[in-house]
Amino acid sequence: MKIVREWGRDDLAKVYVVDTGRGLVEMVESLQPPLRREEKWVLIVSTLYGCPVRCLMCDAGGEYKGKLSADEILWQIETLVRRRFPSGYV
């Protein structure tokens, strides 16, 4: 798994596109200004490839390809944590 694209702002929110080898997924980190990262840091990780519901207002539907493995989900969390906290201690 590897990050193939990222965009956003470090002081507000960043979106990362990850190639898992089975497809692309997104993971996100965000802050709630004026709080510091140490006070409130939100991580959003993908658990599915696409979505089977196909809501018209959402861009995740259309090509549902199944669930991510537990290891793929944990990789997202650990990667986001280690980018900001290299020791792994949050």
Protein backbone atom coordinates (compact mmCIF):
# COMPACT_ATOMS: atom_id res chain seq x y z
CA MET A 1 0.00 0.00 0.00
CA LYS A 2 1.22 3.49 -0.77
CA ILE A 3 -0.01 7.07 -0.87
CA VAL A 4 -0.23 8.15 -4.51
CA ARG A 5 -1.70 11.63 -4.06
CA GLU A 6 -2.39 14.12 -1.31
CA TRP A 7 -3.95 17.54 -1.17
CA GLY A 8 -5.32 19.98 1.37
CA ARG A 9 -3.90 22.11 4.15
CA ASP A 10 -1.94 20.96 7.18
CA ASP A 11 -3.77 23.48 9.36
CA LEU A 12 -7.26 22.28 8.39
CA ALA A 13 -7.63 19.00 6.47
CA LYS A 14 -5.68 16.72 4.15
CA VAL A 15 -6.99 14.01 1.84
CA TYR A 16 -4.76 11.12 0.80
CA VAL A 17 -5.40 8.72 -2.07
CA VAL A 18 -3.97 5.28 -1.34
CA ASP A 19 -3.25 2.49 -3.80
CA THR A 20 -3.82 -0.76 -1.92
CA GLY A 21 -2.81 -2.97 -4.82
CA ARG A 22 -6.48 -3.93 -5.23
CA GLY A 23 -7.78 -0.43 -5.91
CA LEU A 24 -7.73 3.19 -4.77
CA VAL A 25 -9.20 4.42 -1.48
CA GLU A 26 -9.15 7.71 0.44
CA MET A 27 -8.11 8.55 3.98
CA VAL A 28 -8.47 11.96 5.61
CA GLU A 29 -7.10 13.83 8.61
CA SER A 30 -8.66 17.03 9.88
CA LEU A 31 -8.46 19.58 12.65
CA GLN A 32 -11.07 21.76 14.32
CA PRO A 33 -9.65 25.29 14.51
CA PRO A 34 -8.77 26.88 16.84
CA LEU A 35 -7.94 23.60 18.60
CA ARG A 36 -4.44 22.19 18.21
CA ARG A 37 -3.82 18.73 16.75
CA GLU A 38 -3.00 17.50 20.27
CA GLU A 39 -6.47 18.60 21.44
CA LYS A 40 -8.64 17.31 18.59
CA TRP A 41 -7.43 15.38 15.57
CA VAL A 42 -9.93 13.48 13.41
CA LEU A 43 -8.93 10.54 11.20
CA ILE A 44 -11.29 9.14 8.57
CA VAL A 45 -10.32 5.85 6.96
CA SER A 46 -11.85 3.78 4.18
CA THR A 47 -13.41 0.43 4.99
CA LEU A 48 -14.93 -0.35 1.56
CA TYR A 49 -13.89 -0.11 -2.08
CA GLY A 50 -16.71 2.08 -3.32
CA CYS A 51 -20.17 1.67 -1.83
CA PRO A 52 -23.09 -0.64 -2.68
CA VAL A 53 -25.79 1.93 -1.74
CA ARG A 54 -25.26 4.31 -4.71
CA CYS A 55 -26.76 7.46 -3.18
CA LEU A 56 -27.10 10.11 -5.89
CA MET A 57 -25.42 12.84 -3.82
CA CYS A 58 -22.30 10.78 -3.03
CA ASP A 59 -19.20 10.16 -5.12
CA ALA A 60 -18.30 6.86 -3.38
CA GLY A 61 -20.92 4.72 -5.07
CA GLY A 62 -20.94 3.23 -8.50
CA GLU A 63 -18.14 0.72 -8.42
CA TYR A 64 -18.50 -1.30 -5.23
CA LYS A 65 -15.65 -3.80 -5.07
CA GLY A 66 -15.93 -5.15 -1.53
CA LYS A 67 -14.39 -4.62 1.88
CA LEU A 68 -10.87 -3.70 2.87
CA SER A 69 -9.08 -6.20 5.10
CA ALA A 70 -8.40 -5.42 8.75
CA ASP A 71 -4.70 -5.03 7.87
CA GLU A 72 -5.54 -2.47 5.15
CA ILE A 73 -7.68 -0.46 7.58
CA LEU A 74 -5.03 -0.57 10.33
CA TRP A 75 -2.35 0.46 7.80
CA GLN A 76 -4.30 3.66 7.12
CA ILE A 77 -4.50 4.52 10.82
CA GLU A 78 -0.85 3.76 11.49
CA THR A 79 0.29 5.69 8.41
CA LEU A 80 -1.66 8.81 9.41
CA VAL A 81 -0.41 8.60 13.00
CA ARG A 82 3.24 8.11 12.03
CA ARG A 83 3.14 11.03 9.54
CA ARG A 84 2.37 13.41 12.42
CA PHE A 85 3.80 11.48 15.38
CA PRO A 86 6.85 9.47 14.17
CA SER A 87 7.21 7.72 17.53
CA GLY A 88 3.68 6.34 17.15
CA TYR A 89 2.71 7.91 20.48
CA VAL A 90 -0.34 10.16 20.21
